[in-house]
Structures are given as structure tokens and as C-alpha cells.
Amino acid sequence: MSNELQSSTPSALGIASGTPVSSVQQTGEKNVYAAHVDTMNVTVQGSIVPQLLTQKPQPTAMTINRTHYNLFVTYGADFSQSTPFTIDAKRALTENTDDDIKAEYATLSPDVIEKIKTFPCIFANENAAYGHTDEEQTLGYGYIRQIKIRRDGIKIYPHIMYLLPQQRLNEALFDLDISGDSSFNEFNRMHWSIKKIDLIAELQELGFQI
């Protein structure tokens, strides 16, 4: 498998005239006179609806902290559009994360959130199968723009920079410190964990030009 990064005008009135009329008097606004019309096409212009432009969010200037990385696994998210998604609070920094990391980051205080936002991230949907997925499934590499905490969940606003083949990372569990094996691993369960790994270095070693 390759290591590819997937980063009017209104029309006029058509009038065919017969014998011209030298003088015609009409009242009212925007009148049209035709002595003889074979075919008439009329365009009625209503309200002009502007096209909705969706632009990929651009991150503000930031310092990248390569000592850790965030691993997000969700379901049905569109990472090609950097679409926000929600993580169950019970699965946020509660599993597959070392105890010392939990103690430091699981409070999700404002200061902690700002620090977490400096870590690079993997944004993935659950594997299509147990322990692996197909060649078409991709995951996102990028950063967190914003985190919103509510009672029932945590909303994550990602900034996706690259799309990577997810199966390739299923084959690099040890390198990325991802728990599991070829039968079942973290990519098979929705959750958020933090790893004490230099993600950029590991991806580069795997052949990705990050």
C-alpha cells in the first residue's frame, strides 16, 4: 500500500417582429410591445441566492509540541471537510492512556486544553472490520482548533492537513503506541487517548512526507 497523502446573466426576450408599427402608446412600467410573436422566451428573475462558500478553517499561529499526540476514533465523521465531531465524555482520556498522562490532562481545564491543542492529532473513524480496514478508508492528520465541553460529551473541531490510508496505520500499532493487535485495536473503538510519542517522527519513518 502506498503512503499517499490525499492533502448569468438573465436571457433576453426573443421577439420575432412582423410589420412594424410606427407609434404605440403604453402605460405602466416595463411594458413590451410585439406586433407578431412566433416564439417568446421569458426569464423571470427572482431573489438572487448567493452561493454558500465553505472554506477549510485555517489554524492560527501555534507552537507544535511533538512530545505527545492525540488519537481520536469516532464514527461517520467527514474529515475531508474538517467537520466537528463529538466524543462520549466516558471515553475521553479514560482508556488506552497511561495513568500519568490521565493525571496531567484528563482535568481538561482551560490551561490543559490549550496545551492539548498544541499536540498533533490522528482523527479516524472506526475500522470497517476487526483489526483492519479496506484500502479506501482514510484518516486525518492535523490539529485541534477548538474543544467544547458539555455534560454529555466533548465536541472537537479539527483542522485536517492530510488524509492518510488508515490500513497503513493499522499495520504500525507498535510504532504509534496504539493498543491491540491484528484482531482488534484502538481503531475499532470510539474514544480519545493521548500518547507520549513523537507522531511526526514516526509517520516520517513510515514513509509519510509530513
Protein backbone atom coordinates (compact mmCIF):
# COMPACT_ATOMS: atom_id res chain seq x y z
CA MET A 1 0.00 0.00 0.00
CA SER A 2 1.39 3.37 -0.93
CA ASN A 3 1.94 6.18 1.55
CA GLU A 4 -0.01 8.79 -0.45
CA LEU A 5 -1.32 11.96 1.15
CA GLN A 6 -4.66 12.81 -0.14
CA SER A 7 -3.86 16.91 1.35
CA SER A 8 -25.84 34.98 -15.57
CA THR A 9 -26.85 36.86 -16.86
CA PRO A 10 -30.64 36.65 -17.45
CA SER A 11 -31.62 35.82 -21.05
CA ALA A 12 -33.24 38.47 -23.25
CA LEU A 13 -36.72 38.36 -24.71
CA GLY A 14 -36.73 36.54 -28.05
CA ILE A 15 -39.12 38.53 -30.27
CA ALA A 16 -39.76 37.98 -33.98
CA SER A 17 -41.46 41.15 -35.33
CA GLY A 18 -43.87 41.31 -38.26
CA THR A 19 -44.97 44.60 -39.87
CA PRO A 20 -43.54 47.40 -37.76
CA VAL A 21 -45.87 49.83 -36.03
CA SER A 22 -44.82 53.43 -36.31
CA SER A 23 -46.26 54.54 -33.00
CA VAL A 24 -47.51 52.66 -29.95
CA GLN A 25 -48.55 54.23 -26.67
CA GLN A 26 -48.41 52.15 -23.50
CA THR A 27 -48.74 52.98 -19.83
CA GLY A 28 -47.27 51.30 -16.84
CA GLU A 29 -43.77 50.09 -16.12
CA LYS A 30 -41.58 47.68 -18.11
CA ASN A 31 -44.04 47.09 -20.98
CA VAL A 32 -43.13 45.09 -24.07
CA TYR A 33 -44.93 45.50 -27.42
CA ALA A 34 -44.75 42.95 -30.23
CA ALA A 35 -46.86 43.09 -33.36
CA HIS A 36 -46.26 39.45 -34.11
CA VAL A 37 -44.53 36.83 -32.00
CA ASP A 38 -43.72 33.32 -33.13
CA THR A 39 -41.75 32.33 -30.05
CA MET A 40 -41.23 34.16 -26.80
CA ASN A 41 -38.92 33.01 -24.01
CA VAL A 42 -39.25 34.97 -20.81
CA THR A 43 -36.92 34.72 -17.87
CA VAL A 44 -38.41 35.91 -14.59
CA GLN A 45 -35.65 36.77 -12.20
CA GLY A 46 -36.47 36.35 -8.51
CA SER A 47 -34.32 36.75 -5.45
CA ILE A 48 -30.63 36.14 -6.01
CA VAL A 49 -29.36 33.48 -3.60
CA PRO A 50 -25.61 33.75 -3.03
CA GLN A 51 -23.57 30.59 -3.25
CA LEU A 52 -22.52 29.26 0.14
CA LEU A 53 -18.75 29.08 0.23
CA THR A 54 -17.29 26.56 2.66
CA GLN A 55 -13.65 27.23 3.33
CA LYS A 56 -11.30 24.96 5.23
CA PRO A 57 -10.54 26.58 8.58
CA GLN A 58 -7.03 27.90 8.90
CA PRO A 59 -5.26 27.45 12.23
CA THR A 60 -3.78 30.44 13.97
CA ALA A 61 -0.05 30.61 14.54
CA MET A 62 0.93 27.97 17.07
CA THR A 63 3.89 26.13 18.52
CA ILE A 64 3.83 22.41 17.78
CA ASN A 65 4.52 20.21 20.79
CA ARG A 66 5.87 16.90 19.50
CA THR A 67 6.18 15.16 22.88
CA HIS A 68 2.61 13.79 22.66
CA TYR A 69 -0.17 13.27 20.15
CA ASN A 70 -3.97 12.94 20.31
CA LEU A 71 -5.69 9.87 18.89
CA PHE A 72 -9.40 10.36 18.14
CA VAL A 73 -11.54 7.48 16.92
CA THR A 74 -15.16 8.28 16.08
CA TYR A 75 -17.81 7.13 13.61
CA GLY A 76 -19.21 8.72 10.45
CA ALA A 77 -17.12 11.92 10.57
CA ASP A 78 -16.16 13.66 7.32
CA PHE A 79 -12.52 14.51 7.85
CA SER A 80 -12.07 15.74 4.28
CA GLN A 81 -14.11 18.81 5.34
CA SER A 82 -12.68 19.18 8.86
CA THR A 83 -16.19 18.56 10.23
CA PRO A 84 -16.62 18.75 14.04
CA PHE A 85 -17.48 15.56 15.90
CA THR A 86 -18.39 14.54 19.46
CA ILE A 87 -16.66 12.12 21.83
CA ASP A 88 -18.54 10.50 24.72
CA ALA A 89 -17.21 12.00 27.95
CA LYS A 90 -16.87 8.49 29.40
CA ARG A 91 -14.43 7.60 26.60
CA ALA A 92 -12.36 10.77 26.68
CA LEU A 93 -8.90 10.22 28.19
CA THR A 94 -10.17 7.28 30.23
CA GLU A 95 -8.77 4.30 28.30
CA ASN A 96 -5.63 3.37 26.39
CA THR A 97 -3.90 6.31 28.08
CA ASP A 98 -1.13 5.97 30.68
CA ASP A 99 -2.04 6.92 34.24
CA ASP A 100 0.47 9.78 34.43
CA ILE A 101 -0.97 11.27 31.24
CA LYS A 102 -4.51 10.96 32.60
CA ALA A 103 -3.47 12.73 35.79
CA GLU A 104 -1.97 15.61 33.82
CA TYR A 105 -4.55 16.09 31.07
CA ALA A 106 -7.91 14.49 31.97
CA THR A 107 -8.99 17.54 34.01
CA LEU A 108 -9.46 19.44 30.72
CA SER A 109 -9.04 22.77 32.47
CA PRO A 110 -8.62 25.82 30.17
CA ASP A 111 -4.83 25.74 30.55
CA VAL A 112 -4.72 21.99 29.87
CA ILE A 113 -6.91 22.38 26.78
CA GLU A 114 -4.56 25.00 25.36
CA LYS A 115 -1.65 22.61 25.84
CA ILE A 116 -3.54 19.68 24.30
CA LYS A 117 -4.27 21.84 21.24
CA THR A 118 -0.53 22.07 20.55
CA PHE A 119 -0.25 18.28 20.06
CA PRO A 120 -0.54 16.85 16.53
CA CYS A 121 -3.53 14.55 16.06
CA ILE A 122 -4.82 11.48 14.29
CA PHE A 123 -8.54 11.72 13.51
CA ALA A 124 -10.05 8.38 12.50
CA ASN A 125 -13.36 6.66 12.03
CA GLU A 126 -13.72 3.13 13.34
CA ASN A 127 -12.19 0.39 11.21
CA ALA A 128 -14.54 -1.15 8.66
CA ALA A 129 -13.58 -4.60 10.03
CA TYR A 130 -11.97 -6.13 13.11
CA GLY A 131 -8.33 -5.11 13.38
CA HIS A 132 -8.14 -3.78 9.83
CA THR A 133 -9.95 -1.84 7.14
CA ASP A 134 -10.06 -1.53 3.35
CA GLU A 135 -7.67 0.46 1.20
CA GLU A 136 -10.21 3.23 0.56
CA GLN A 137 -10.66 4.25 4.21
CA THR A 138 -8.63 7.26 5.21
CA LEU A 139 -7.96 9.11 8.44
CA GLY A 140 -6.95 12.69 9.07
CA TYR A 141 -3.71 14.16 10.33
CA GLY A 142 -3.87 17.64 11.78
CA TYR A 143 -4.61 19.70 14.89
CA ILE A 144 -7.45 20.77 17.18
CA ARG A 145 -8.96 24.21 16.56
CA GLN A 146 -11.40 24.21 19.43
CA ILE A 147 -12.76 22.00 22.22
CA LYS A 148 -16.23 22.43 23.73
CA ILE A 149 -17.05 20.53 26.92
CA ARG A 150 -20.64 19.67 27.81
CA ARG A 151 -22.21 17.27 30.32
CA ASP A 152 -22.86 14.52 27.80
CA GLY A 153 -19.86 14.86 25.56
CA ILE A 154 -16.90 16.77 24.21
CA LYS A 155 -17.08 18.46 20.81
CA ILE A 156 -13.84 18.52 18.84
CA TYR A 157 -13.22 20.98 15.99
CA PRO A 158 -10.40 19.57 13.86
CA HIS A 159 -8.14 21.16 11.28
CA ILE A 160 -7.20 18.38 8.86
CA MET A 161 -4.00 18.87 6.91
CA TYR A 162 -3.56 15.44 5.29
CA LEU A 163 -5.56 12.29 4.66
CA LEU A 164 -3.63 9.07 5.22
CA PRO A 165 -4.51 5.45 4.39
CA GLN A 166 -5.89 4.07 7.65
CA GLN A 167 -4.86 0.48 6.99
CA ARG A 168 -1.21 1.54 6.90
CA LEU A 169 -1.53 2.76 10.48
CA ASN A 170 -3.32 -0.45 11.46
CA GLU A 171 -0.06 -2.11 10.47
CA ALA A 172 2.05 0.24 12.66
CA LEU A 173 0.43 -0.19 16.08
CA PHE A 174 3.70 -0.65 17.92
CA ASP A 175 5.34 2.40 16.35
CA LEU A 176 2.39 4.64 17.26
CA ASP A 177 1.85 3.07 20.72
CA ILE A 178 -1.67 2.02 19.77
CA SER A 179 -3.11 -0.81 21.85
CA GLY A 180 -4.34 -4.01 20.20
CA ASP A 181 -3.39 -6.46 17.51
CA SER A 182 -4.47 -7.69 14.07
CA SER A 183 -7.77 -8.92 15.55
CA PHE A 184 -8.84 -5.80 17.45
CA ASN A 185 -7.18 -2.48 18.23
CA GLU A 186 -7.94 1.12 19.21
CA PHE A 187 -9.12 1.94 15.69
CA ASN A 188 -12.08 -0.38 16.40
CA ARG A 189 -13.46 1.61 19.34
CA MET A 190 -14.68 5.20 19.60
CA HIS A 191 -12.52 7.06 22.11
CA TRP A 192 -9.92 9.76 22.70
CA SER A 193 -6.47 8.92 24.03
CA ILE A 194 -3.16 10.76 24.33
CA LYS A 195 0.12 9.04 23.51
CA LYS A 196 3.56 10.07 24.63
CA ILE A 197 5.01 9.64 21.15
CA ASP A 198 6.53 11.97 18.55
CA LEU A 199 3.86 11.34 15.92
CA ILE A 200 5.56 13.37 13.20
CA ALA A 201 8.81 11.45 13.53
CA GLU A 202 7.02 8.09 13.48
CA LEU A 203 4.94 8.96 10.42
CA GLN A 204 8.02 10.17 8.60
CA GLU A 205 9.77 6.90 9.45
CA LEU A 206 6.78 5.08 7.96
CA GLY A 207 7.38 6.98 4.72
CA PHE A 208 4.84 9.79 5.01
CA GLN A 209 6.13 13.22 3.99
CA ILE A 210 4.57 15.14 6.87
